[in-house]
Amino acid sequence: GDSLINGPSSLNLNGLTLSVENPGSFTVDYNVPKKDVRFQFMNN
């Protein structure tokens, strides 16, 4: 909801996360406002 603080006409990058994921193997998230990268690896 932070990305739509003032409605769709004023869309900002608060609360936006971009991800690349291979289900059951790995996920890479980029949190745009925090400029943080999160790596997640799954195995069994």
All heavy atoms as atom14 arrays in JSON, in Angstrom:
{
  "sequence": "GDSLINGPSSLNLNGLTLSVENPGSFTVDYNVPKKDVRFQFMNN",
  "atom14_mask": [
    [1, 1, 1, 1, 0, 0, 0, 0, 0, 0, 0, 0, 0, 0],
    [1, 1, 1, 1, 1, 1, 1, 1, 0, 0, 0, 0, 0, 0],
    [1, 1, 1, 1, 1, 1, 0, 0, 0, 0, 0, 0, 0, 0],
    [1, 1, 1, 1, 1, 1, 1, 1, 0, 0, 0, 0, 0, 0],
    [1, 1, 1, 1, 1, 1, 1, 1, 0, 0, 0, 0, 0, 0],
    [1, 1, 1, 1, 1, 1, 1, 1, 0, 0, 0, 0, 0, 0],
    [1, 1, 1, 1, 0, 0, 0, 0, 0, 0, 0, 0, 0, 0],
    [1, 1, 1, 1, 1, 1, 1, 0, 0, 0, 0, 0, 0, 0],
    [1, 1, 1, 1, 1, 1, 0, 0, 0, 0, 0, 0, 0, 0],
    [1, 1, 1, 1, 1, 1, 0, 0, 0, 0, 0, 0, 0, 0],
    [1, 1, 1, 1, 1, 1, 1, 1, 0, 0, 0, 0, 0, 0],
    [1, 1, 1, 1, 1, 1, 1, 1, 0, 0, 0, 0, 0, 0],
    [1, 1, 1, 1, 1, 1, 1, 1, 0, 0, 0, 0, 0, 0],
    [1, 1, 1, 1, 1, 1, 1, 1, 0, 0, 0, 0, 0, 0],
    [1, 1, 1, 1, 0, 0, 0, 0, 0, 0, 0, 0, 0, 0],
    [1, 1, 1, 1, 1, 1, 1, 1, 0, 0, 0, 0, 0, 0],
    [1, 1, 1, 1, 1, 1, 1, 0, 0, 0, 0, 0, 0, 0],
    [1, 1, 1, 1, 1, 1, 1, 1, 0, 0, 0, 0, 0, 0],
    [1, 1, 1, 1, 1, 1, 0, 0, 0, 0, 0, 0, 0, 0],
    [1, 1, 1, 1, 1, 1, 1, 0, 0, 0, 0, 0, 0, 0],
    [1, 1, 1, 1, 1, 1, 1, 1, 1, 0, 0, 0, 0, 0],
    [1, 1, 1, 1, 1, 1, 1, 1, 0, 0, 0, 0, 0, 0],
    [1, 1, 1, 1, 1, 1, 1, 0, 0, 0, 0, 0, 0, 0],
    [1, 1, 1, 1, 0, 0, 0, 0, 0, 0, 0, 0, 0, 0],
    [1, 1, 1, 1, 1, 1, 0, 0, 0, 0, 0, 0, 0, 0],
    [1, 1, 1, 1, 1, 1, 1, 1, 1, 1, 1, 0, 0, 0],
    [1, 1, 1, 1, 1, 1, 1, 0, 0, 0, 0, 0, 0, 0],
    [1, 1, 1, 1, 1, 1, 1, 0, 0, 0, 0, 0, 0, 0],
    [1, 1, 1, 1, 1, 1, 1, 1, 0, 0, 0, 0, 0, 0],
    [1, 1, 1, 1, 1, 1, 1, 1, 1, 1, 1, 1, 0, 0],
    [1, 1, 1, 1, 1, 1, 1, 1, 0, 0, 0, 0, 0, 0],
    [1, 1, 1, 1, 1, 1, 1, 0, 0, 0, 0, 0, 0, 0],
    [1, 1, 1, 1, 1, 1, 1, 0, 0, 0, 0, 0, 0, 0],
    [1, 1, 1, 1, 1, 1, 1, 1, 1, 0, 0, 0, 0, 0],
    [1, 1, 1, 1, 1, 1, 1, 1, 1, 0, 0, 0, 0, 0],
    [1, 1, 1, 1, 1, 1, 1, 1, 0, 0, 0, 0, 0, 0],
    [1, 1, 1, 1, 1, 1, 1, 0, 0, 0, 0, 0, 0, 0],
    [1, 1, 1, 1, 1, 1, 1, 1, 1, 1, 1, 0, 0, 0],
    [1, 1, 1, 1, 1, 1, 1, 1, 1, 1, 1, 0, 0, 0],
    [1, 1, 1, 1, 1, 1, 1, 1, 1, 0, 0, 0, 0, 0],
    [1, 1, 1, 1, 1, 1, 1, 1, 1, 1, 1, 0, 0, 0],
    [1, 1, 1, 1, 1, 1, 1, 1, 0, 0, 0, 0, 0, 0],
    [1, 1, 1, 1, 1, 1, 1, 1, 0, 0, 0, 0, 0, 0],
    [1, 1, 1, 1, 1, 1, 1, 1, 0, 0, 0, 0, 0, 0]
  ],
  "atom14_positions": [
    [[0.81, -1.21, 0.0], [0.0, 0.0, 0.0], [0.83, 1.26, 0.0], [0.39, 2.32, -0.44], [0.0, 0.0, 0.0], [0.0, 0.0, 0.0], [0.0, 0.0, 0.0], [0.0, 0.0, 0.0], [0.0, 0.0, 0.0], [0.0, 0.0, 0.0], [0.0, 0.0, 0.0], [0.0, 0.0, 0.0], [0.0, 0.0, 0.0], [0.0, 0.0, 0.0]],
    [[2.12, 1.18, 0.48], [2.98, 2.35, 0.48], [3.28, 2.87, -0.92], [3.65, 4.02, -1.1], [4.31, 2.03, 1.17], [4.12, 1.75, 2.65], [3.12, 2.25, 3.21], [4.97, 1.06, 3.24], [0.0, 0.0, 0.0], [0.0, 0.0, 0.0], [0.0, 0.0, 0.0], [0.0, 0.0, 0.0], [0.0, 0.0, 0.0], [0.0, 0.0, 0.0]],
    [[3.13, 2.0, -1.92], [3.42, 2.41, -3.29], [2.3, 3.27, -3.88], [2.45, 3.86, -4.94], [3.62, 1.18, -4.19], [4.74, 0.44, -3.75], [0.0, 0.0, 0.0], [0.0, 0.0, 0.0], [0.0, 0.0, 0.0], [0.0, 0.0, 0.0], [0.0, 0.0, 0.0], [0.0, 0.0, 0.0], [0.0, 0.0, 0.0], [0.0, 0.0, 0.0]],
    [[1.16, 3.31, -3.19], [0.01, 4.06, -3.69], [-0.49, 5.03, -2.62], [-1.67, 5.16, -2.36], [-1.12, 3.1, -4.07], [-0.8, 2.11, -5.19], [-1.9, 1.06, -5.3], [-0.63, 2.82, -6.51], [0.0, 0.0, 0.0], [0.0, 0.0, 0.0], [0.0, 0.0, 0.0], [0.0, 0.0, 0.0], [0.0, 0.0, 0.0], [0.0, 0.0, 0.0]],
    [[0.45, 5.71, -1.97], [0.11, 6.59, -0.86], [-0.91, 7.65, -1.28], [-1.88, 7.91, -0.57], [1.37, 7.27, -0.3], [2.28, 6.22, 0.34], [1.0, 8.35, 0.71], [3.59, 6.79, 0.84], [0.0, 0.0, 0.0], [0.0, 0.0, 0.0], [0.0, 0.0, 0.0], [0.0, 0.0, 0.0], [0.0, 0.0, 0.0], [0.0, 0.0, 0.0]],
    [[-0.72, 8.23, -2.44], [-1.62, 9.3, -2.89], [-2.43, 8.89, -4.1], [-2.86, 9.72, -4.89], [-0.81, 10.56, -3.2], [-0.09, 11.11, -1.99], [-0.7, 11.23, -0.93], [1.18, 11.43, -2.13], [0.0, 0.0, 0.0], [0.0, 0.0, 0.0], [0.0, 0.0, 0.0], [0.0, 0.0, 0.0], [0.0, 0.0, 0.0], [0.0, 0.0, 0.0]],
    [[-2.63, 7.56, -4.26], [-3.42, 7.09, -5.37], [-2.56, 6.66, -6.54], [-1.37, 6.95, -6.61], [0.0, 0.0, 0.0], [0.0, 0.0, 0.0], [0.0, 0.0, 0.0], [0.0, 0.0, 0.0], [0.0, 0.0, 0.0], [0.0, 0.0, 0.0], [0.0, 0.0, 0.0], [0.0, 0.0, 0.0], [0.0, 0.0, 0.0], [0.0, 0.0, 0.0]],
    [[-3.14, 5.96, -7.53], [-2.39, 5.42, -8.67], [-1.71, 6.49, -9.49], [-0.7, 6.23, -10.13], [-3.48, 4.7, -9.49], [-4.57, 4.41, -8.51], [-4.56, 5.54, -7.53], [0.0, 0.0, 0.0], [0.0, 0.0, 0.0], [0.0, 0.0, 0.0], [0.0, 0.0, 0.0], [0.0, 0.0, 0.0], [0.0, 0.0, 0.0], [0.0, 0.0, 0.0]],
    [[-2.22, 7.71, -9.49], [-1.63, 8.76, -10.31], [-0.27, 9.2, -9.81], [0.49, 9.86, -10.52], [-2.57, 9.97, -10.38], [-2.79, 10.49, -9.08], [0.0, 0.0, 0.0], [0.0, 0.0, 0.0], [0.0, 0.0, 0.0], [0.0, 0.0, 0.0], [0.0, 0.0, 0.0], [0.0, 0.0, 0.0], [0.0, 0.0, 0.0], [0.0, 0.0, 0.0]],
    [[0.04, 8.87, -8.55], [1.31, 9.28, -7.97], [2.1, 8.07, -7.49], [2.61, 8.04, -6.38], [1.09, 10.25, -6.81], [0.28, 9.66, -5.82], [0.0, 0.0, 0.0], [0.0, 0.0, 0.0], [0.0, 0.0, 0.0], [0.0, 0.0, 0.0], [0.0, 0.0, 0.0], [0.0, 0.0, 0.0], [0.0, 0.0, 0.0], [0.0, 0.0, 0.0]],
    [[2.17, 7.05, -8.33], [2.86, 5.82, -7.98], [4.32, 6.1, -7.64], [5.02, 6.78, -8.38], [2.78, 4.83, -9.15], [3.45, 3.47, -8.96], [2.7, 2.69, -7.88], [3.46, 2.71, -10.27], [0.0, 0.0, 0.0], [0.0, 0.0, 0.0], [0.0, 0.0, 0.0], [0.0, 0.0, 0.0], [0.0, 0.0, 0.0], [0.0, 0.0, 0.0]],
    [[4.8, 5.61, -6.48], [6.19, 5.76, -6.12], [6.78, 4.38, -5.87], [6.11, 3.37, -6.01], [6.33, 6.66, -4.88], [5.51, 6.15, -3.71], [5.8, 5.06, -3.2], [4.5, 6.89, -3.29], [0.0, 0.0, 0.0], [0.0, 0.0, 0.0], [0.0, 0.0, 0.0], [0.0, 0.0, 0.0], [0.0, 0.0, 0.0], [0.0, 0.0, 0.0]],
    [[8.05, 4.37, -5.48], [8.76, 3.1, -5.33], [8.73, 2.56, -3.91], [9.36, 1.54, -3.64], [10.21, 3.28, -5.8], [10.39, 3.7, -7.26], [11.86, 3.81, -7.61], [9.69, 2.72, -8.2], [0.0, 0.0, 0.0], [0.0, 0.0, 0.0], [0.0, 0.0, 0.0], [0.0, 0.0, 0.0], [0.0, 0.0, 0.0], [0.0, 0.0, 0.0]],
    [[8.04, 3.23, -3.0], [7.93, 2.69, -1.64], [7.16, 1.37, -1.68], [6.07, 1.29, -2.22], [7.19, 3.68, -0.73], [8.0, 4.93, -0.46], [9.22, 4.88, -0.47], [7.32, 6.03, -0.22], [0.0, 0.0, 0.0], [0.0, 0.0, 0.0], [0.0, 0.0, 0.0], [0.0, 0.0, 0.0], [0.0, 0.0, 0.0], [0.0, 0.0, 0.0]],
    [[7.72, 0.34, -1.06], [7.04, -0.94, -1.01], [7.17, -1.79, -2.26], [6.48, -2.79, -2.39], [0.0, 0.0, 0.0], [0.0, 0.0, 0.0], [0.0, 0.0, 0.0], [0.0, 0.0, 0.0], [0.0, 0.0, 0.0], [0.0, 0.0, 0.0], [0.0, 0.0, 0.0], [0.0, 0.0, 0.0], [0.0, 0.0, 0.0], [0.0, 0.0, 0.0]],
    [[8.07, -1.43, -3.18], [8.24, -2.19, -4.42], [9.4, -3.18, -4.27], [10.5, -2.82, -3.86], [8.53, -1.25, -5.59], [8.87, -1.93, -6.94], [7.7, -2.76, -7.43], [9.28, -0.88, -7.97], [0.0, 0.0, 0.0], [0.0, 0.0, 0.0], [0.0, 0.0, 0.0], [0.0, 0.0, 0.0], [0.0, 0.0, 0.0], [0.0, 0.0, 0.0]],
    [[9.13, -4.45, -4.61], [10.14, -5.5, -4.58], [10.15, -6.24, -5.91], [9.09, -6.62, -6.42], [9.87, -6.52, -3.45], [9.86, -5.83, -2.19], [10.94, -7.59, -3.41], [0.0, 0.0, 0.0], [0.0, 0.0, 0.0], [0.0, 0.0, 0.0], [0.0, 0.0, 0.0], [0.0, 0.0, 0.0], [0.0, 0.0, 0.0], [0.0, 0.0, 0.0]],
    [[11.33, -6.43, -6.49], [11.5, -7.16, -7.74], [12.2, -8.48, -7.43], [13.17, -8.52, -6.67], [12.33, -6.34, -8.73], [11.8, -4.93, -9.05], [12.77, -4.2, -9.97], [10.41, -5.01, -9.67], [0.0, 0.0, 0.0], [0.0, 0.0, 0.0], [0.0, 0.0, 0.0], [0.0, 0.0, 0.0], [0.0, 0.0, 0.0], [0.0, 0.0, 0.0]],
    [[11.7, -9.57, -8.03], [12.23, -10.9, -7.7], [12.47, -11.74, -8.94], [11.75, -11.62, -9.94], [11.25, -11.64, -6.77], [10.92, -10.87, -5.64], [0.0, 0.0, 0.0], [0.0, 0.0, 0.0], [0.0, 0.0, 0.0], [0.0, 0.0, 0.0], [0.0, 0.0, 0.0], [0.0, 0.0, 0.0], [0.0, 0.0, 0.0], [0.0, 0.0, 0.0]],
    [[13.47, -12.6, -8.83], [13.72, -13.67, -9.8], [13.73, -14.97, -9.01], [14.46, -15.1, -8.03], [15.07, -13.47, -10.52], [15.31, -14.63, -11.49], [15.11, -12.15, -11.26], [0.0, 0.0, 0.0], [0.0, 0.0, 0.0], [0.0, 0.0, 0.0], [0.0, 0.0, 0.0], [0.0, 0.0, 0.0], [0.0, 0.0, 0.0], [0.0, 0.0, 0.0]],
    [[12.9, -15.93, -9.42], [12.82, -17.16, -8.63], [12.71, -18.4, -9.51], [12.07, -18.4, -10.55], [11.62, -17.09, -7.68], [10.28, -16.84, -8.37], [9.15, -16.64, -7.37], [9.38, -16.08, -6.3], [8.01, -17.04, -7.71], [0.0, 0.0, 0.0], [0.0, 0.0, 0.0], [0.0, 0.0, 0.0], [0.0, 0.0, 0.0], [0.0, 0.0, 0.0]],
    [[13.39, -19.42, -9.07], [13.26, -20.76, -9.64], [12.63, -21.62, -8.55], [13.3, -21.99, -7.59], [14.63, -21.31, -10.04], [14.52, -22.65, -10.75], [13.46, -23.26, -10.81], [15.64, -23.13, -11.29], [0.0, 0.0, 0.0], [0.0, 0.0, 0.0], [0.0, 0.0, 0.0], [0.0, 0.0, 0.0], [0.0, 0.0, 0.0], [0.0, 0.0, 0.0]],
    [[11.32, -21.89, -8.65], [10.6, -22.57, -7.56], [11.3, -23.84, -7.08], [11.68, -24.7, -7.88], [9.23, -22.89, -8.19], [9.05, -21.82, -9.24], [10.43, -21.59, -9.79], [0.0, 0.0, 0.0], [0.0, 0.0, 0.0], [0.0, 0.0, 0.0], [0.0, 0.0, 0.0], [0.0, 0.0, 0.0], [0.0, 0.0, 0.0], [0.0, 0.0, 0.0]],
    [[11.51, -23.92, -5.75], [12.15, -25.08, -5.17], [13.66, -25.06, -5.24], [14.32, -25.98, -4.74], [0.0, 0.0, 0.0], [0.0, 0.0, 0.0], [0.0, 0.0, 0.0], [0.0, 0.0, 0.0], [0.0, 0.0, 0.0], [0.0, 0.0, 0.0], [0.0, 0.0, 0.0], [0.0, 0.0, 0.0], [0.0, 0.0, 0.0], [0.0, 0.0, 0.0]],
    [[14.25, -23.99, -5.82], [15.69, -23.93, -5.96], [16.28, -22.63, -5.38], [17.09, -22.68, -4.46], [16.08, -24.04, -7.44], [17.48, -24.0, -7.59], [0.0, 0.0, 0.0], [0.0, 0.0, 0.0], [0.0, 0.0, 0.0], [0.0, 0.0, 0.0], [0.0, 0.0, 0.0], [0.0, 0.0, 0.0], [0.0, 0.0, 0.0], [0.0, 0.0, 0.0]],
    [[15.87, -21.48, -5.9], [16.41, -20.22, -5.38], [15.45, -19.07, -5.66], [14.58, -19.14, -6.53], [17.78, -19.9, -6.01], [17.7, -19.52, -7.47], [17.43, -18.21, -7.86], [17.9, -20.47, -8.46], [17.36, -17.86, -9.2], [17.83, -20.13, -9.8], [17.55, -18.82, -10.17], [0.0, 0.0, 0.0], [0.0, 0.0, 0.0], [0.0, 0.0, 0.0]],
    [[15.63, -18.0, -4.88], [14.9, -16.75, -5.08], [15.85, -15.6, -4.77], [16.58, -15.64, -3.78], [13.68, -16.65, -4.14], [12.78, -17.72, -4.41], [12.95, -15.33, -4.34], [0.0, 0.0, 0.0], [0.0, 0.0, 0.0], [0.0, 0.0, 0.0], [0.0, 0.0, 0.0], [0.0, 0.0, 0.0], [0.0, 0.0, 0.0], [0.0, 0.0, 0.0]],
    [[15.83, -14.57, -5.63], [16.6, -13.36, -5.4], [15.63, -12.19, -5.4], [14.94, -11.96, -6.4], [17.69, -13.15, -6.47], [18.47, -11.87, -6.2], [18.64, -14.35, -6.52], [0.0, 0.0, 0.0], [0.0, 0.0, 0.0], [0.0, 0.0, 0.0], [0.0, 0.0, 0.0], [0.0, 0.0, 0.0], [0.0, 0.0, 0.0], [0.0, 0.0, 0.0]],
    [[15.56, -11.47, -4.27], [14.66, -10.32, -4.13], [15.47, -9.04, -4.06], [16.52, -8.99, -3.38], [13.82, -10.43, -2.86], [12.92, -11.65, -2.85], [12.4, -12.01, -3.93], [12.73, -12.25, -1.77], [0.0, 0.0, 0.0], [0.0, 0.0, 0.0], [0.0, 0.0, 0.0], [0.0, 0.0, 0.0], [0.0, 0.0, 0.0], [0.0, 0.0, 0.0]],
    [[14.97, -7.99, -4.72], [15.57, -6.66, -4.59], [14.52, -5.71, -4.05], [13.53, -5.41, -4.72], [16.11, -6.16, -5.93], [16.71, -4.77, -5.84], [17.86, -4.56, -5.07], [16.13, -3.68, -6.48], [18.41, -3.29, -4.96], [16.68, -2.42, -6.38], [17.82, -2.22, -5.61], [18.37, -0.97, -5.51], [0.0, 0.0, 0.0], [0.0, 0.0, 0.0]],
    [[14.73, -5.24, -2.82], [13.83, -4.28, -2.2], [14.25, -2.89, -2.64], [15.31, -2.39, -2.24], [13.89, -4.42, -0.67], [12.85, -3.59, 0.03], [12.75, -2.39, -0.18], [12.07, -4.23, 0.89], [0.0, 0.0, 0.0], [0.0, 0.0, 0.0], [0.0, 0.0, 0.0], [0.0, 0.0, 0.0], [0.0, 0.0, 0.0], [0.0, 0.0, 0.0]],
    [[13.44, -2.26, -3.49], [13.82, -0.99, -4.12], [14.02, 0.13, -3.11], [15.07, 0.79, -3.13], [12.79, -0.6, -5.2], [13.13, 0.77, -5.78], [12.75, -1.65, -6.3], [0.0, 0.0, 0.0], [0.0, 0.0, 0.0], [0.0, 0.0, 0.0], [0.0, 0.0, 0.0], [0.0, 0.0, 0.0], [0.0, 0.0, 0.0], [0.0, 0.0, 0.0]],
    [[13.07, 0.41, -2.19], [13.3, 1.54, -1.28], [14.46, 1.32, -0.32], [15.17, 2.25, 0.03], [11.96, 1.66, -0.53], [11.31, 0.33, -0.67], [11.73, -0.18, -2.02], [0.0, 0.0, 0.0], [0.0, 0.0, 0.0], [0.0, 0.0, 0.0], [0.0, 0.0, 0.0], [0.0, 0.0, 0.0], [0.0, 0.0, 0.0], [0.0, 0.0, 0.0]],
    [[14.67, 0.06, 0.13], [15.76, -0.22, 1.06], [17.08, -0.48, 0.34], [18.13, -0.55, 1.0], [15.41, -1.43, 1.92], [14.27, -1.2, 2.87], [14.03, -2.44, 3.74], [12.9, -2.24, 4.73], [12.68, -3.43, 5.58], [0.0, 0.0, 0.0], [0.0, 0.0, 0.0], [0.0, 0.0, 0.0], [0.0, 0.0, 0.0], [0.0, 0.0, 0.0]],
    [[17.04, -0.66, -0.98], [18.21, -1.0, -1.78], [18.91, -2.23, -1.19], [20.13, -2.27, -1.06], [19.18, 0.19, -1.85], [18.59, 1.42, -2.54], [19.58, 2.55, -2.62], [18.97, 3.76, -3.32], [19.91, 4.9, -3.4], [0.0, 0.0, 0.0], [0.0, 0.0, 0.0], [0.0, 0.0, 0.0], [0.0, 0.0, 0.0], [0.0, 0.0, 0.0]],
    [[18.1, -3.21, -0.84], [18.61, -4.42, -0.2], [18.35, -5.62, -1.1], [17.28, -5.76, -1.69], [17.92, -4.61, 1.15], [18.51, -5.78, 1.93], [19.62, -6.22, 1.58], [17.86, -6.25, 2.89], [0.0, 0.0, 0.0], [0.0, 0.0, 0.0], [0.0, 0.0, 0.0], [0.0, 0.0, 0.0], [0.0, 0.0, 0.0], [0.0, 0.0, 0.0]],
    [[19.34, -6.5, -1.19], [19.21, -7.74, -1.95], [19.12, -8.9, -0.97], [19.91, -8.99, -0.02], [20.41, -7.95, -2.89], [20.26, -9.26, -3.66], [20.52, -6.79, -3.87], [0.0, 0.0, 0.0], [0.0, 0.0, 0.0], [0.0, 0.0, 0.0], [0.0, 0.0, 0.0], [0.0, 0.0, 0.0], [0.0, 0.0, 0.0], [0.0, 0.0, 0.0]],
    [[18.14, -9.77, -1.19], [17.98, -10.95, -0.34], [18.11, -12.19, -1.2], [17.43, -12.34, -2.21], [16.61, -10.95, 0.35], [16.47, -12.05, 1.38], [15.05, -12.15, 1.92], [14.16, -12.73, 0.91], [13.0, -13.33, 1.21], [12.59, -13.38, 2.46], [12.25, -13.83, 0.25], [0.0, 0.0, 0.0], [0.0, 0.0, 0.0], [0.0, 0.0, 0.0]],
    [[19.02, -13.09, -0.8], [19.22, -14.35, -1.49], [18.58, -15.47, -0.68], [18.74, -15.53, 0.54], [20.71, -14.64, -1.67], [21.45, -13.61, -2.47], [22.09, -12.55, -1.84], [21.48, -13.7, -3.85], [22.77, -11.6, -2.58], [22.16, -12.75, -4.6], [22.81, -11.69, -3.96], [0.0, 0.0, 0.0], [0.0, 0.0, 0.0], [0.0, 0.0, 0.0]],
    [[17.91, -16.39, -1.37], [17.28, -17.52, -0.71], [17.53, -18.77, -1.54], [17.23, -18.8, -2.74], [15.79, -17.27, -0.54], [15.09, -18.25, 0.37], [13.65, -17.85, 0.64], [12.82, -17.9, -0.25], [13.37, -17.43, 1.87], [0.0, 0.0, 0.0], [0.0, 0.0, 0.0], [0.0, 0.0, 0.0], [0.0, 0.0, 0.0], [0.0, 0.0, 0.0]],
    [[18.11, -19.79, -0.91], [18.41, -21.04, -1.6], [17.73, -22.19, -0.88], [17.78, -22.3, 0.34], [19.93, -21.27, -1.64], [20.68, -20.17, -2.34], [21.27, -19.15, -1.62], [20.78, -20.17, -3.72], [21.96, -18.14, -2.26], [21.47, -19.15, -4.37], [22.07, -18.14, -3.64], [0.0, 0.0, 0.0], [0.0, 0.0, 0.0], [0.0, 0.0, 0.0]],
    [[17.07, -23.05, -1.66], [16.36, -24.2, -1.11], [17.02, -25.5, -1.57], [17.51, -25.58, -2.7], [14.9, -24.2, -1.57], [14.07, -23.07, -0.96], [14.36, -21.45, -1.69], [13.33, -21.57, -3.15], [0.0, 0.0, 0.0], [0.0, 0.0, 0.0], [0.0, 0.0, 0.0], [0.0, 0.0, 0.0], [0.0, 0.0, 0.0], [0.0, 0.0, 0.0]],
    [[17.04, -26.49, -0.69], [17.59, -27.8, -1.05], [16.96, -28.85, -0.15], [16.22, -28.54, 0.78], [19.11, -27.8, -0.89], [19.79, -28.76, -1.85], [19.19, -29.77, -2.24], [21.03, -28.47, -2.24], [0.0, 0.0, 0.0], [0.0, 0.0, 0.0], [0.0, 0.0, 0.0], [0.0, 0.0, 0.0], [0.0, 0.0, 0.0], [0.0, 0.0, 0.0]],
    [[17.27, -30.11, -0.41], [16.74, -31.19, 0.41], [17.72, -32.36, 0.42], [18.58, -32.48, -0.45], [15.37, -31.64, -0.11], [15.41, -32.1, -1.56], [15.84, -33.22, -1.85], [14.99, -31.24, -2.47], [0.0, 0.0, 0.0], [0.0, 0.0, 0.0], [0.0, 0.0, 0.0], [0.0, 0.0, 0.0], [0.0, 0.0, 0.0], [0.0, 0.0, 0.0]]
  ]
}
